[in-house]
């Protein structure tokens, strides 16, 4: 697993970001920022990665077999299980 490799902001950068966050959106000058129209080379999840915890969990063999047989190419069955659990949590958080 790739560990966090980004560098901390300098004091000047942190001060600039703090100042920008205090401004309303219509007061921020974005003239020098190029408009991005082609997102073909973009990647999802580059900046946000939830913290993962390793654990031992007993799951019925038929459930594991189902996830293994339905896993997408390039995505492991554990990722599918995590996605299913995340969807379940989101659904039940809405019902509170």
N, C-alpha and C. Protein backbone atom coordinates (compact mmCIF):
# COMPACT_ATOMS: atom_id res chain seq x y z
N UNK A 1 0.84 -1.18 0.00
CA UNK A 1 0.00 0.00 0.00
C UNK A 1 0.89 1.24 0.00
N UNK A 2 0.57 2.18 -0.81
CA UNK A 2 1.34 3.41 -0.92
C UNK A 2 1.01 4.33 0.24
N UNK A 3 2.03 4.77 0.95
CA UNK A 3 1.84 5.65 2.09
C UNK A 3 1.75 7.09 1.62
N UNK A 4 1.28 7.95 2.51
CA UNK A 4 1.11 9.37 2.22
C UNK A 4 2.44 9.98 1.81
N UNK A 5 2.50 10.57 0.63
CA UNK A 5 3.75 11.14 0.14
C UNK A 5 3.65 12.63 -0.16
N UNK A 6 2.55 13.25 0.17
CA UNK A 6 2.43 14.68 -0.11
C UNK A 6 3.17 15.48 0.95
N UNK A 7 3.66 16.63 0.53
CA UNK A 7 4.43 17.49 1.43
C UNK A 7 3.48 18.45 2.13
N UNK A 8 3.87 18.86 3.32
CA UNK A 8 3.08 19.82 4.07
C UNK A 8 3.14 21.18 3.38
N UNK A 9 2.09 21.98 3.56
CA UNK A 9 2.08 23.33 2.99
C UNK A 9 3.11 24.20 3.69
N UNK A 10 3.66 25.13 2.94
CA UNK A 10 4.52 26.14 3.57
C UNK A 10 3.61 27.10 4.32
N UNK A 11 4.19 27.93 5.17
CA UNK A 11 3.38 28.90 5.91
C UNK A 11 2.66 29.86 4.96
N UNK A 12 3.35 30.26 3.90
CA UNK A 12 2.74 31.18 2.93
C UNK A 12 1.55 30.50 2.23
N UNK A 13 1.71 29.24 1.85
CA UNK A 13 0.62 28.52 1.19
C UNK A 13 -0.56 28.33 2.14
N UNK A 14 -0.28 27.98 3.38
CA UNK A 14 -1.35 27.80 4.36
C UNK A 14 -2.10 29.10 4.61
N UNK A 15 -1.36 30.20 4.68
CA UNK A 15 -1.99 31.51 4.88
C UNK A 15 -2.86 31.88 3.69
N UNK A 16 -2.37 31.61 2.47
CA UNK A 16 -3.14 31.91 1.26
C UNK A 16 -4.43 31.09 1.23
N UNK A 17 -4.33 29.80 1.54
CA UNK A 17 -5.53 28.95 1.55
C UNK A 17 -6.52 29.39 2.61
N UNK A 18 -6.02 29.79 3.77
CA UNK A 18 -6.91 30.26 4.83
C UNK A 18 -7.64 31.52 4.39
N UNK A 19 -6.91 32.42 3.74
CA UNK A 19 -7.53 33.65 3.23
C UNK A 19 -8.58 33.36 2.17
N UNK A 20 -8.27 32.45 1.25
CA UNK A 20 -9.22 32.09 0.20
C UNK A 20 -10.46 31.41 0.76
N UNK A 21 -10.29 30.58 1.78
CA UNK A 21 -11.45 29.89 2.35
C UNK A 21 -12.41 30.86 3.05
N UNK A 22 -11.90 32.01 3.44
CA UNK A 22 -12.75 33.00 4.10
C UNK A 22 -13.56 33.83 3.10
N UNK A 23 -13.13 33.82 1.83
CA UNK A 23 -13.82 34.61 0.80
C UNK A 23 -15.02 33.86 0.23
N UNK A 24 -16.06 34.60 -0.17
CA UNK A 24 -17.15 33.94 -0.91
C UNK A 24 -16.64 33.55 -2.29
N UNK A 25 -17.24 32.54 -2.89
CA UNK A 25 -16.77 32.02 -4.18
C UNK A 25 -16.67 33.09 -5.26
N UNK A 26 -17.63 34.00 -5.30
CA UNK A 26 -17.63 35.01 -6.37
C UNK A 26 -16.54 36.06 -6.21
N UNK A 27 -15.83 36.06 -5.10
CA UNK A 27 -14.74 37.02 -4.87
C UNK A 27 -13.36 36.41 -5.14
N UNK A 28 -13.32 35.13 -5.45
CA UNK A 28 -12.04 34.47 -5.72
C UNK A 28 -11.72 34.59 -7.20
N UNK A 29 -10.53 35.13 -7.52
CA UNK A 29 -10.11 35.34 -8.90
C UNK A 29 -9.58 34.02 -9.47
N UNK A 30 -10.28 33.49 -10.45
CA UNK A 30 -9.87 32.23 -11.07
C UNK A 30 -9.44 32.44 -12.53
N UNK A 31 -9.10 33.68 -12.89
CA UNK A 31 -8.73 34.00 -14.26
C UNK A 31 -7.50 33.23 -14.73
N UNK A 32 -6.54 32.99 -13.84
CA UNK A 32 -5.30 32.31 -14.23
C UNK A 32 -5.41 30.79 -14.17
N UNK A 33 -6.53 30.27 -13.73
CA UNK A 33 -6.72 28.83 -13.65
C UNK A 33 -7.31 28.34 -14.97
N UNK A 34 -6.59 27.48 -15.69
CA UNK A 34 -7.12 27.01 -16.98
C UNK A 34 -8.35 26.12 -16.78
N UNK A 35 -9.31 26.24 -17.68
CA UNK A 35 -10.50 25.40 -17.62
C UNK A 35 -10.14 24.00 -18.08
N UNK A 36 -10.57 23.02 -17.32
CA UNK A 36 -10.29 21.62 -17.65
C UNK A 36 -11.49 21.05 -18.39
N UNK A 37 -11.31 20.70 -19.65
CA UNK A 37 -12.40 20.14 -20.44
C UNK A 37 -12.23 18.65 -20.69
N UNK A 38 -10.99 18.19 -20.77
CA UNK A 38 -10.74 16.78 -21.04
C UNK A 38 -10.31 16.08 -19.76
N UNK A 39 -11.16 15.22 -19.24
CA UNK A 39 -10.88 14.51 -18.01
C UNK A 39 -10.44 13.07 -18.27
N UNK A 40 -10.02 12.78 -19.51
CA UNK A 40 -9.67 11.41 -19.89
C UNK A 40 -8.53 10.83 -19.05
N UNK A 41 -7.56 11.63 -18.69
CA UNK A 41 -6.41 11.13 -17.94
C UNK A 41 -6.55 11.27 -16.44
N UNK A 42 -7.73 11.64 -15.98
CA UNK A 42 -7.90 11.86 -14.54
C UNK A 42 -8.03 10.54 -13.79
N UNK A 43 -7.81 10.61 -12.49
CA UNK A 43 -7.90 9.42 -11.65
C UNK A 43 -8.81 9.72 -10.48
N UNK A 44 -9.60 8.72 -10.08
CA UNK A 44 -10.47 8.86 -8.91
C UNK A 44 -9.72 8.42 -7.67
N UNK A 45 -10.03 9.06 -6.57
CA UNK A 45 -9.49 8.62 -5.29
C UNK A 45 -8.05 8.95 -5.04
N UNK A 46 -7.47 9.86 -5.82
CA UNK A 46 -6.06 10.19 -5.64
C UNK A 46 -5.85 10.99 -4.37
N UNK A 47 -6.76 11.88 -4.05
CA UNK A 47 -6.57 12.76 -2.91
C UNK A 47 -7.23 12.24 -1.64
N UNK A 48 -8.31 11.50 -1.76
CA UNK A 48 -8.99 10.99 -0.58
C UNK A 48 -8.89 9.47 -0.55
N UNK A 49 -8.29 8.98 0.48
CA UNK A 49 -8.22 7.54 0.68
C UNK A 49 -8.60 7.27 2.12
N UNK A 50 -9.72 6.60 2.34
CA UNK A 50 -10.10 6.30 3.71
C UNK A 50 -9.06 5.40 4.37
N UNK A 51 -8.93 5.55 5.65
CA UNK A 51 -7.99 4.72 6.41
C UNK A 51 -8.55 3.31 6.46
N UNK A 52 -7.70 2.35 6.15
CA UNK A 52 -8.10 0.95 6.18
C UNK A 52 -7.58 0.33 7.48
N UNK A 53 -8.36 -0.57 8.03
CA UNK A 53 -7.96 -1.31 9.21
C UNK A 53 -7.99 -2.79 8.89
N UNK A 54 -6.93 -3.48 9.25
CA UNK A 54 -6.89 -4.91 9.02
C UNK A 54 -7.59 -5.61 10.17
N UNK A 55 -8.42 -6.59 9.84
CA UNK A 55 -9.10 -7.35 10.87
C UNK A 55 -9.35 -8.76 10.38
N UNK A 56 -9.66 -9.62 11.32
CA UNK A 56 -10.04 -10.99 10.99
C UNK A 56 -11.54 -11.08 11.19
N UNK A 57 -12.22 -11.57 10.17
CA UNK A 57 -13.68 -11.63 10.18
C UNK A 57 -14.12 -12.97 9.62
N UNK A 58 -14.99 -13.63 10.32
CA UNK A 58 -15.51 -14.90 9.83
C UNK A 58 -16.79 -14.63 9.04
N UNK A 59 -16.77 -15.04 7.79
CA UNK A 59 -17.91 -14.84 6.89
C UNK A 59 -18.24 -16.20 6.29
N UNK A 60 -19.52 -16.44 6.09
CA UNK A 60 -19.96 -17.72 5.51
C UNK A 60 -19.27 -17.95 4.17
N UNK A 61 -18.88 -19.20 3.92
CA UNK A 61 -18.15 -19.56 2.71
C UNK A 61 -18.93 -19.23 1.45
N UNK A 62 -20.25 -19.43 1.47
CA UNK A 62 -21.03 -19.15 0.27
C UNK A 62 -21.06 -17.66 -0.05
N UNK A 63 -21.01 -16.83 0.97
CA UNK A 63 -20.98 -15.38 0.74
C UNK A 63 -19.65 -14.98 0.10
N UNK A 64 -18.56 -15.51 0.63
CA UNK A 64 -17.23 -15.23 0.07
C UNK A 64 -17.16 -15.72 -1.38
N UNK A 65 -17.66 -16.93 -1.63
CA UNK A 65 -17.66 -17.48 -3.00
C UNK A 65 -18.44 -16.58 -3.95
N UNK A 66 -19.58 -16.05 -3.48
CA UNK A 66 -20.39 -15.17 -4.33
C UNK A 66 -19.61 -13.91 -4.68
N UNK A 67 -18.99 -13.29 -3.69
CA UNK A 67 -18.23 -12.06 -3.95
C UNK A 67 -17.03 -12.35 -4.87
N UNK A 68 -16.37 -13.48 -4.66
CA UNK A 68 -15.24 -13.83 -5.53
C UNK A 68 -15.69 -14.03 -6.97
N UNK A 69 -16.85 -14.67 -7.16
CA UNK A 69 -17.32 -14.94 -8.53
C UNK A 69 -17.90 -13.70 -9.21
N UNK A 70 -18.29 -12.69 -8.43
CA UNK A 70 -18.88 -11.48 -9.00
C UNK A 70 -17.94 -10.27 -8.99
N UNK A 71 -16.71 -10.46 -8.57
CA UNK A 71 -15.76 -9.34 -8.52
C UNK A 71 -15.43 -8.86 -9.93
N UNK A 72 -15.36 -7.55 -10.08
CA UNK A 72 -15.01 -6.96 -11.38
C UNK A 72 -13.54 -7.21 -11.67
N UNK A 73 -13.19 -7.19 -12.95
CA UNK A 73 -11.78 -7.32 -13.32
C UNK A 73 -11.01 -6.12 -12.77
N UNK A 74 -9.87 -6.39 -12.21
CA UNK A 74 -9.04 -5.34 -11.65
C UNK A 74 -9.48 -4.91 -10.26
N UNK A 75 -10.53 -5.52 -9.75
CA UNK A 75 -11.03 -5.19 -8.41
C UNK A 75 -11.21 -6.50 -7.66
N UNK A 76 -10.61 -6.59 -6.50
CA UNK A 76 -10.69 -7.81 -5.72
C UNK A 76 -12.03 -7.98 -5.02
N UNK A 77 -12.27 -9.18 -4.56
CA UNK A 77 -13.55 -9.45 -3.89
C UNK A 77 -13.65 -8.70 -2.57
N UNK A 78 -12.53 -8.44 -1.91
CA UNK A 78 -12.57 -7.70 -0.65
C UNK A 78 -13.03 -6.26 -0.89
N UNK A 79 -12.63 -5.68 -2.01
CA UNK A 79 -13.08 -4.34 -2.37
C UNK A 79 -14.58 -4.33 -2.59
N UNK A 80 -15.09 -5.40 -3.22
CA UNK A 80 -16.54 -5.50 -3.43
C UNK A 80 -17.29 -5.62 -2.11
N UNK A 81 -16.73 -6.39 -1.19
CA UNK A 81 -17.35 -6.52 0.13
C UNK A 81 -17.35 -5.18 0.84
N UNK A 82 -16.24 -4.46 0.77
CA UNK A 82 -16.16 -3.14 1.40
C UNK A 82 -17.19 -2.19 0.79
N UNK A 83 -17.35 -2.23 -0.53
CA UNK A 83 -18.34 -1.37 -1.19
C UNK A 83 -19.76 -1.71 -0.75
N UNK A 84 -20.05 -3.01 -0.63
CA UNK A 84 -21.38 -3.44 -0.19
C UNK A 84 -21.65 -2.98 1.24
N UNK A 85 -20.66 -3.10 2.10
CA UNK A 85 -20.82 -2.65 3.48
C UNK A 85 -20.99 -1.13 3.55
N UNK A 86 -20.23 -0.40 2.74
CA UNK A 86 -20.35 1.05 2.71
C UNK A 86 -21.74 1.48 2.23
N UNK A 87 -22.26 0.80 1.22
CA UNK A 87 -23.61 1.08 0.72
C UNK A 87 -24.66 0.81 1.80
N UNK A 88 -24.49 -0.28 2.52
CA UNK A 88 -25.41 -0.64 3.61
C UNK A 88 -25.40 0.44 4.69
N UNK A 89 -24.20 0.88 5.08
CA UNK A 89 -24.09 1.92 6.11
C UNK A 89 -24.74 3.21 5.64
N UNK A 90 -24.49 3.61 4.40
CA UNK A 90 -25.08 4.85 3.87
C UNK A 90 -26.61 4.78 3.87
N UNK A 91 -27.14 3.63 3.47
CA UNK A 91 -28.60 3.46 3.44
C UNK A 91 -29.19 3.57 4.84
N UNK A 92 -28.56 2.96 5.81
CA UNK A 92 -29.08 2.97 7.16
C UNK A 92 -28.81 4.28 7.90
N UNK A 93 -27.84 5.04 7.46
CA UNK A 93 -27.61 6.37 8.03
C UNK A 93 -28.73 7.32 7.61
N UNK A 94 -29.27 7.15 6.41
CA UNK A 94 -30.36 7.98 5.90
C UNK A 94 -31.65 7.73 6.68
N UNK A 95 -31.81 6.52 7.19
CA UNK A 95 -33.06 6.15 7.87
C UNK A 95 -33.11 6.61 9.32
N UNK A 96 -32.06 7.23 9.80
CA UNK A 96 -32.05 7.69 11.20
C UNK A 96 -32.88 8.91 11.39
